PDB file of N, CA and C in Angstrom:
ATOM      1  N   UNK A   1      74.686  85.006 168.317  1.00  0.00           N
ATOM      2  CA  UNK A   1      74.622  83.549 168.358  1.00  0.00           C
ATOM      3  C   UNK A   1      74.478  83.111 169.813  1.00  0.00           C
ATOM      4  N   UNK A   2      73.680  82.121 170.023  1.00  0.00           N
ATOM      5  CA  UNK A   2      73.523  81.511 171.341  1.00  0.00           C
ATOM      6  C   UNK A   2      74.891  80.966 171.777  1.00  0.00           C
ATOM      7  N   UNK A   3      75.381  81.301 172.982  1.00  0.00           N
ATOM      8  CA  UNK A   3      76.695  80.810 173.420  1.00  0.00           C
ATOM      9  C   UNK A   3      76.808  79.292 173.389  1.00  0.00           C
ATOM     10  N   UNK A   4      75.736  78.587 173.725  1.00  0.00           N
ATOM     11  CA  UNK A   4      75.775  77.122 173.688  1.00  0.00           C
ATOM     12  C   UNK A   4      75.945  76.631 172.254  1.00  0.00           C
ATOM     13  N   UNK A   5      75.241  77.241 171.317  1.00  0.00           N
ATOM     14  CA  UNK A   5      75.364  76.853 169.910  1.00  0.00           C
ATOM     15  C   UNK A   5      76.766  77.142 169.413  1.00  0.00           C
ATOM     16  N   UNK A   6      77.317  78.288 169.814  1.00  0.00           N
ATOM     17  CA  UNK A   6      78.672  78.653 169.410  1.00  0.00           C
ATOM     18  C   UNK A   6      79.665  77.597 169.879  1.00  0.00           C
ATOM     19  N   UNK A   7      79.508  77.143 171.122  1.00  0.00           N
ATOM     20  CA  UNK A   7      80.396  76.119 171.660  1.00  0.00           C
ATOM     21  C   UNK A   7      80.264  74.789 170.940  1.00  0.00           C
ATOM     22  N   UNK A   8      79.022  74.382 170.652  1.00  0.00           N
ATOM     23  CA  UNK A   8      78.808  73.126 169.918  1.00  0.00           C
ATOM     24  C   UNK A   8      79.433  73.187 168.532  1.00  0.00           C
ATOM     25  N   UNK A   9      79.191  74.277 167.834  1.00  0.00           N
ATOM     26  CA  UNK A   9      79.727  74.408 166.480  1.00  0.00           C
ATOM     27  C   UNK A   9      81.250  74.462 166.495  1.00  0.00           C
ATOM     28  N   UNK A  10      81.826  75.079 167.526  1.00  0.00           N
ATOM     29  CA  UNK A  10      83.288  75.116 167.645  1.00  0.00           C
ATOM     30  C   UNK A  10      83.845  73.710 167.857  1.00  0.00           C
ATOM     31  N   UNK A  11      83.240  72.946 168.779  1.00  0.00           N
ATOM     32  CA  UNK A  11      83.693  71.571 169.018  1.00  0.00           C
ATOM     33  C   UNK A  11      83.593  70.717 167.763  1.00  0.00           C
ATOM     34  N   UNK A  12      82.537  70.925 166.992  1.00  0.00           N
ATOM     35  CA  UNK A  12      82.319  70.132 165.778  1.00  0.00           C
ATOM     36  C   UNK A  12      83.058  70.692 164.570  1.00  0.00           C
ATOM     37  N   UNK A  13      83.690  71.870 164.746  1.00  0.00           N
ATOM     38  CA  UNK A  13      84.386  72.545 163.642  1.00  0.00           C
ATOM     39  C   UNK A  13      83.439  72.751 162.459  1.00  0.00           C
ATOM     40  N   UNK A  14      82.245  73.274 162.762  1.00  0.00           N
ATOM     41  CA  UNK A  14      81.202  73.444 161.753  1.00  0.00           C
ATOM     42  C   UNK A  14      80.934  74.926 161.507  1.00  0.00           C
ATOM     43  N   UNK A  15      80.793  75.281 160.250  1.00  0.00           N
ATOM     44  CA  UNK A  15      80.449  76.644 159.840  1.00  0.00           C
ATOM     45  C   UNK A  15      78.928  76.712 159.707  1.00  0.00           C
ATOM     46  N   UNK A  16      78.270  77.568 160.507  1.00  0.00           N
ATOM     47  CA  UNK A  16      76.802  77.586 160.508  1.00  0.00           C
ATOM     48  C   UNK A  16      76.168  77.856 159.152  1.00  0.00           C
ATOM     49  N   UNK A  17      76.792  78.675 158.324  1.00  0.00           N
ATOM     50  CA  UNK A  17      76.181  78.992 157.026  1.00  0.00           C
ATOM     51  C   UNK A  17      76.152  77.796 156.086  1.00  0.00           C
ATOM     52  N   UNK A  18      76.950  76.766 156.390  1.00  0.00           N
ATOM     53  CA  UNK A  18      76.974  75.571 155.543  1.00  0.00           C
ATOM     54  C   UNK A  18      76.010  74.490 156.024  1.00  0.00           C
ATOM     55  N   UNK A  19      75.430  74.678 157.198  1.00  0.00           N
ATOM     56  CA  UNK A  19      74.485  73.701 157.740  1.00  0.00           C
ATOM     57  C   UNK A  19      73.088  73.960 157.183  1.00  0.00           C
ATOM     58  N   UNK A  20      72.269  72.911 157.085  1.00  0.00           N
ATOM     59  CA  UNK A  20      70.898  73.109 156.584  1.00  0.00           C
ATOM     60  C   UNK A  20      70.070  73.983 157.525  1.00  0.00           C
ATOM     61  N   UNK A  21      69.207  74.793 156.930  1.00  0.00           N
ATOM     62  CA  UNK A  21      68.331  75.656 157.714  1.00  0.00           C
ATOM     63  C   UNK A  21      67.317  74.829 158.492  1.00  0.00           C
ATOM     64  N   UNK A  22      67.066  75.252 159.726  1.00  0.00           N
ATOM     65  CA  UNK A  22      66.070  74.610 160.583  1.00  0.00           C
ATOM     66  C   UNK A  22      64.923  75.590 160.792  1.00  0.00           C
ATOM     67  N   UNK A  23      63.746  75.085 161.131  1.00  0.00           N
ATOM     68  CA  UNK A  23      62.590  75.972 161.328  1.00  0.00           C
ATOM     69  C   UNK A  23      62.750  76.850 162.564  1.00  0.00           C
ATOM     70  N   UNK A  24      61.995  77.921 162.586  1.00  0.00           N
ATOM     71  CA  UNK A  24      62.029  78.850 163.718  1.00  0.00           C
ATOM     72  C   UNK A  24      60.970  78.517 164.769  1.00  0.00           C
ATOM     73  N   UNK A  25      59.977  77.698 164.407  1.00  0.00           N
ATOM     74  CA  UNK A  25      58.925  77.356 165.363  1.00  0.00           C
ATOM     75  C   UNK A  25      58.572  75.874 165.246  1.00  0.00           C
ATOM     76  N   UNK A  26      57.766  75.391 166.166  1.00  0.00           N
ATOM     77  CA  UNK A  26      57.378  73.971 166.226  1.00  0.00           C
ATOM     78  C   UNK A  26      58.622  73.083 166.252  1.00  0.00           C
ATOM     79  N   UNK A  27      59.586  73.466 167.078  1.00  0.00           N
ATOM     80  CA  UNK A  27      60.883  72.804 167.090  1.00  0.00           C
ATOM     81  C   UNK A  27      60.793  71.332 167.486  1.00  0.00           C
ATOM     82  N   UNK A  28      59.990  71.027 168.492  1.00  0.00           N
ATOM     83  CA  UNK A  28      59.870  69.637 168.928  1.00  0.00           C
ATOM     84  C   UNK A  28      59.347  68.737 167.830  1.00  0.00           C
ATOM     85  N   UNK A  29      58.312  69.182 167.145  1.00  0.00           N
ATOM     86  CA  UNK A  29      57.741  68.396 166.041  1.00  0.00           C
ATOM     87  C   UNK A  29      58.734  68.275 164.895  1.00  0.00           C
ATOM     88  N   UNK A  30      59.482  69.334 164.635  1.00  0.00           N
ATOM     89  CA  UNK A  30      60.464  69.305 163.541  1.00  0.00           C
ATOM     90  C   UNK A  30      61.587  68.324 163.850  1.00  0.00           C
ATOM     91  N   UNK A  31      62.047  68.313 165.099  1.00  0.00           N
ATOM     92  CA  UNK A  31      63.110  67.381 165.483  1.00  0.00           C
ATOM     93  C   UNK A  31      62.607  65.945 165.399  1.00  0.00           C
ATOM     94  N   UNK A  32      61.406  65.692 165.876  1.00  0.00           N
ATOM     95  CA  UNK A  32      60.835  64.345 165.792  1.00  0.00           C
ATOM     96  C   UNK A  32      60.734  63.896 164.346  1.00  0.00           C
ATOM     97  N   UNK A  33      60.228  64.758 163.477  1.00  0.00           N
ATOM     98  CA  UNK A  33      60.111  64.412 162.059  1.00  0.00           C
ATOM     99  C   UNK A  33      61.482  64.140 161.452  1.00  0.00           C
ATOM    100  N   UNK A  34      62.456  64.983 161.754  1.00  0.00           N
ATOM    101  CA  UNK A  34      63.794  64.832 161.164  1.00  0.00           C
ATOM    102  C   UNK A  34      64.462  63.544 161.617  1.00  0.00           C
ATOM    103  N   UNK A  35      64.302  63.163 162.875  1.00  0.00           N
ATOM    104  CA  UNK A  35      64.988  61.972 163.379  1.00  0.00           C
ATOM    105  C   UNK A  35      64.241  60.675 163.094  1.00  0.00           C
ATOM    106  N   UNK A  36      62.915  60.745 162.920  1.00  0.00           N
ATOM    107  CA  UNK A  36      62.158  59.514 162.727  1.00  0.00           C
ATOM    108  C   UNK A  36      61.712  59.276 161.288  1.00  0.00           C
ATOM    109  N   UNK A  37      61.528  60.329 160.514  1.00  0.00           N
ATOM    110  CA  UNK A  37      60.957  60.182 159.174  1.00  0.00           C
ATOM    111  C   UNK A  37      61.937  60.480 158.043  1.00  0.00           C
ATOM    112  N   UNK A  38      63.122  60.913 158.377  1.00  0.00           N
ATOM    113  CA  UNK A  38      64.103  61.269 157.351  1.00  0.00           C
ATOM    114  C   UNK A  38      65.442  60.620 157.697  1.00  0.00           C
ATOM    115  N   UNK A  39      66.302  60.501 156.703  1.00  0.00           N
ATOM    116  CA  UNK A  39      67.642  59.959 156.917  1.00  0.00           C
ATOM    117  C   UNK A  39      68.644  61.081 156.681  1.00  0.00           C
ATOM    118  N   UNK A  40      69.488  61.318 157.691  1.00  0.00           N
ATOM    119  CA  UNK A  40      70.548  62.323 157.596  1.00  0.00           C
ATOM    120  C   UNK A  40      71.832  61.702 158.104  1.00  0.00           C
ATOM    121  N   UNK A  41      72.945  62.304 157.737  1.00  0.00           N
ATOM    122  CA  UNK A  41      74.243  61.786 158.152  1.00  0.00           C
ATOM    123  C   UNK A  41      74.816  62.630 159.275  1.00  0.00           C
ATOM    124  N   UNK A  42      75.581  61.988 160.132  1.00  0.00           N
ATOM    125  CA  UNK A  42      76.209  62.642 161.255  1.00  0.00           C
ATOM    126  C   UNK A  42      77.199  63.690 160.757  1.00  0.00           C
ATOM    127  N   UNK A  43      77.103  64.872 161.319  1.00  0.00           N
ATOM    128  CA  UNK A  43      77.977  65.978 160.948  1.00  0.00           C
ATOM    129  C   UNK A  43      79.433  65.669 161.278  1.00  0.00           C
ATOM    130  N   UNK A  44      79.659  64.871 162.302  1.00  0.00           N
ATOM    131  CA  UNK A  44      81.028  64.607 162.753  1.00  0.00           C
ATOM    132  C   UNK A  44      81.673  63.405 162.066  1.00  0.00           C
ATOM    133  N   UNK A  45      80.938  62.298 161.894  1.00  0.00           N
ATOM    134  CA  UNK A  45      81.572  61.070 161.384  1.00  0.00           C
ATOM    135  C   UNK A  45      80.971  60.534 160.090  1.00  0.00           C
ATOM    136  N   UNK A  46      79.793  61.009 159.691  1.00  0.00           N
ATOM    137  CA  UNK A  46      79.186  60.569 158.440  1.00  0.00           C
ATOM    138  C   UNK A  46      78.262  59.365 158.547  1.00  0.00           C
ATOM    139  N   UNK A  47      78.186  58.730 159.728  1.00  0.00           N
ATOM    140  CA  UNK A  47      77.269  57.607 159.915  1.00  0.00           C
ATOM    141  C   UNK A  47      75.828  58.130 159.902  1.00  0.00           C
ATOM    142  N   UNK A  48      74.866  57.216 159.868  1.00  0.00           N
ATOM    143  CA  UNK A  48      73.467  57.640 159.946  1.00  0.00           C
ATOM    144  C   UNK A  48      73.225  58.345 161.281  1.00  0.00           C
ATOM    145  N   UNK A  49      72.605  59.500 161.212  1.00  0.00           N
ATOM    146  CA  UNK A  49      72.313  60.275 162.417  1.00  0.00           C
ATOM    147  C   UNK A  49      70.943  59.885 162.949  1.00  0.00           C
ATOM    148  N   UNK A  50      70.844  59.781 164.252  1.00  0.00           N
ATOM    149  CA  UNK A  50      69.560  59.501 164.877  1.00  0.00           C
ATOM    150  C   UNK A  50      69.174  60.592 165.854  1.00  0.00           C
ATOM    151  N   UNK A  51      70.026  61.601 165.957  1.00  0.00           N
ATOM    152  CA  UNK A  51      69.812  62.694 166.904  1.00  0.00           C
ATOM    153  C   UNK A  51      69.948  64.005 166.149  1.00  0.00           C
ATOM    154  N   UNK A  52      69.047  64.931 166.420  1.00  0.00           N
ATOM    155  CA  UNK A  52      69.106  66.246 165.769  1.00  0.00           C
ATOM    156  C   UNK A  52      68.982  67.341 166.818  1.00  0.00           C
ATOM    157  N   UNK A  53      69.809  68.338 166.670  1.00  0.00           N
ATOM    158  CA  UNK A  53      69.743  69.542 167.496  1.00  0.00           C
ATOM    159  C   UNK A  53      69.470  70.722 166.576  1.00  0.00           C
ATOM    160  N   UNK A  54      68.919  71.773 167.132  1.00  0.00           N
ATOM    161  CA  UNK A  54      68.767  73.017 166.385  1.00  0.00           C
ATOM    162  C   UNK A  54      69.638  74.061 167.064  1.00  0.00           C
ATOM    163  N   UNK A  55      70.610  74.580 166.311  1.00  0.00           N
ATOM    164  CA  UNK A  55      71.493  75.632 166.820  1.00  0.00           C
ATOM    165  C   UNK A  55      70.935  76.976 166.404  1.00  0.00           C
ATOM    166  N   UNK A  56      70.813  77.876 167.360  1.00  0.00           N
ATOM    167  CA  UNK A  56      70.325  79.231 167.088  1.00  0.00           C
ATOM    168  C   UNK A  56      71.558  80.100 166.814  1.00  0.00           C
ATOM    169  N   UNK A  57      71.822  80.402 165.543  1.00  0.00           N
ATOM    170  CA  UNK A  57      73.029  81.117 165.144  1.00  0.00           C
ATOM    171  C   UNK A  57      72.680  82.473 164.537  1.00  0.00           C
ATOM    172  N   UNK A  58      73.702  83.285 164.310  1.00  0.00           N
ATOM    173  CA  UNK A  58      73.504  84.568 163.633  1.00  0.00           C
ATOM    174  C   UNK A  58      72.991  84.366 162.212  1.00  0.00           C
ATOM    175  N   UNK A  59      73.261  83.201 161.639  1.00  0.00           N
ATOM    176  CA  UNK A  59      72.802  82.884 160.281  1.00  0.00           C
ATOM    177  C   UNK A  59      71.391  82.304 160.285  1.00  0.00           C
ATOM    178  N   UNK A  60      70.755  82.245 161.453  1.00  0.00           N
ATOM    179  CA  UNK A  60      69.436  81.636 161.588  1.00  0.00           C
ATOM    180  C   UNK A  60      69.558  80.270 162.239  1.00  0.00           C
ATOM    181  N   UNK A  61      68.435  79.599 162.419  1.00  0.00           N
ATOM    182  CA  UNK A  61      68.439  78.260 163.010  1.00  0.00           C
ATOM    183  C   UNK A  61      69.044  77.271 162.029  1.00  0.00           C
ATOM    184  N   UNK A  62      69.916  76.395 162.544  1.00  0.00           N
ATOM    185  CA  UNK A  62      70.604  75.400 161.715  1.00  0.00           C
ATOM    186  C   UNK A  62      70.511  74.031 162.371  1.00  0.00           C
ATOM    187  N   UNK A  63      70.402  73.011 161.516  1.00  0.00           N
ATOM    188  CA  UNK A  63      70.355  71.627 161.992  1.00  0.00           C
ATOM    189  C   UNK A  63      71.762  71.143 162.314  1.00  0.00           C
ATOM    190  N   UNK A  64      71.879  70.408 163.417  1.00  0.00           N
ATOM    191  CA  UNK A  64      73.087  69.651 163.750  1.00  0.00           C
ATOM    192  C   UNK A  64      72.632  68.216 163.913  1.00  0.00           C
ATOM    193  N   UNK A  65      72.980  67.365 162.957  1.00  0.00           N
ATOM    194  CA  UNK A  65      72.594  65.949 162.977  1.00  0.00           C
ATOM    195  C   UNK A  65      73.790  65.137 163.464  1.00  0.00           C
ATOM    196  N   UNK A  66      73.550  64.273 164.442  1.00  0.00           N
ATOM    197  CA  UNK A  66      74.621  63.460 165.008  1.00  0.00           C
ATOM    198  C   UNK A  66      74.169  62.024 165.215  1.00  0.00           C
ATOM    199  N   UNK A  67      75.121  61.087 165.126  1.00  0.00           N
ATOM    200  CA  UNK A  67      74.842  59.697 165.498  1.00  0.00           C
ATOM    201  C   UNK A  67      74.921  59.623 167.029  1.00  0.00           C
ATOM    202  N   UNK A  68      74.422  58.572 167.642  1.00  0.00           N
ATOM    203  CA  UNK A  68      74.451  58.483 169.107  1.00  0.00           C
ATOM    204  C   UNK A  68      75.867  58.572 169.698  1.00  0.00           C
ATOM    205  N   UNK A  69      76.850  57.956 169.046  1.00  0.00           N
ATOM    206  CA  UNK A  69      78.218  57.983 169.568  1.00  0.00           C
ATOM    207  C   UNK A  69      78.788  59.405 169.561  1.00  0.00           C
ATOM    208  N   UNK A  70      78.557  60.146 168.486  1.00  0.00           N
ATOM    209  CA  UNK A  70      79.074  61.511 168.406  1.00  0.00           C
ATOM    210  C   UNK A  70      78.290  62.459 169.309  1.00  0.00           C
ATOM    211  N   UNK A  71      77.013  62.212 169.507  1.00  0.00           N
ATOM    212  CA  UNK A  71      76.237  63.020 170.449  1.00  0.00           C
ATOM    213  C   UNK A  71      76.773  62.809 171.862  1.00  0.00           C
ATOM    214  N   UNK A  72      77.124  61.568 172.196  1.00  0.00           N
ATOM    215  CA  UNK A  72      77.720  61.281 173.501  1.00  0.00           C
ATOM    216  C   UNK A  72      79.067  61.989 173.627  1.00  0.00           C
ATOM    217  N   UNK A  73      79.896  61.903 172.588  1.00  0.00           N
ATOM    218  CA  UNK A  73      81.192  62.587 172.588  1.00  0.00           C
ATOM    219  C   UNK A  73      81.001  64.083 172.813  1.00  0.00           C
ATOM    220  N   UNK A  74      80.021  64.647 172.143  1.00  0.00           N
ATOM    221  CA  UNK A  74      79.762  66.076 172.264  1.00  0.00           C
ATOM    222  C   UNK A  74      79.351  66.447 173.695  1.00  0.00           C
ATOM    223  N   UNK A  75      78.451  65.650 174.281  1.00  0.00           N
ATOM    224  CA  UNK A  75      78.017  65.924 175.657  1.00  0.00           C
ATOM    225  C   UNK A  75      79.186  65.808 176.633  1.00  0.00           C
ATOM    226  N   UNK A  76      80.081  64.862 176.400  1.00  0.00           N
ATOM    227  CA  UNK A  76      81.231  64.673 177.298  1.00  0.00           C
ATOM    228  C   UNK A  76      82.267  65.789 177.155  1.00  0.00           C
ATOM    229  N   UNK A  77      82.339  66.410 176.005  1.00  0.00           N
ATOM    230  CA  UNK A  77      83.352  67.428 175.741  1.00  0.00           C
ATOM    231  C   UNK A  77      82.849  68.858 175.819  1.00  0.00           C
ATOM    232  N   UNK A  78      81.556  69.031 175.909  1.00  0.00           N
ATOM    233  CA  UNK A  78      80.988  70.375 176.002  1.00  0.00           C
ATOM    234  C   UNK A  78      81.207  70.913 177.419  1.00  0.00           C
ATOM    235  N   UNK A  79      81.538  72.178 177.495  1.00  0.00           N
ATOM    236  CA  UNK A  79      81.727  72.828 178.788  1.00  0.00           C
ATOM    237  C   UNK A  79      80.364  73.225 179.336  1.00  0.00           C
ATOM    238  N   UNK A  80      80.068  72.859 180.573  1.00  0.00           N
ATOM    239  CA  UNK A  80      78.778  73.279 181.138  1.00  0.00           C
ATOM    240  C   UNK A  80      78.667  74.792 181.117  1.00  0.00           C
ATOM    241  N   UNK A  81      77.503  75.284 180.716  1.00  0.00           N
ATOM    242  CA  UNK A  81      77.363  76.715 180.561  1.00  0.00           C
ATOM    243  C   UNK A  81      76.407  77.293 181.493  1.00  0.00           C
TER     244      UNK A  81
END
């Protein structure tokens, strides 16, 4: 697992195998489509998510959908790596 992804998932208390699968290629286009053309809920608080990350885990690529407030919280609490 990518150490950064491991840290994000730990902060969010998220199990990677329970997160939706994300694509392995064309990541930028996939993130744009997910945030602009689809509706997902924030993994942390349940509000509408407007931000999507792709975590590279041992279980494969997984989506992390967050609202702007929780994405800010995550950036403030993540340890620089």
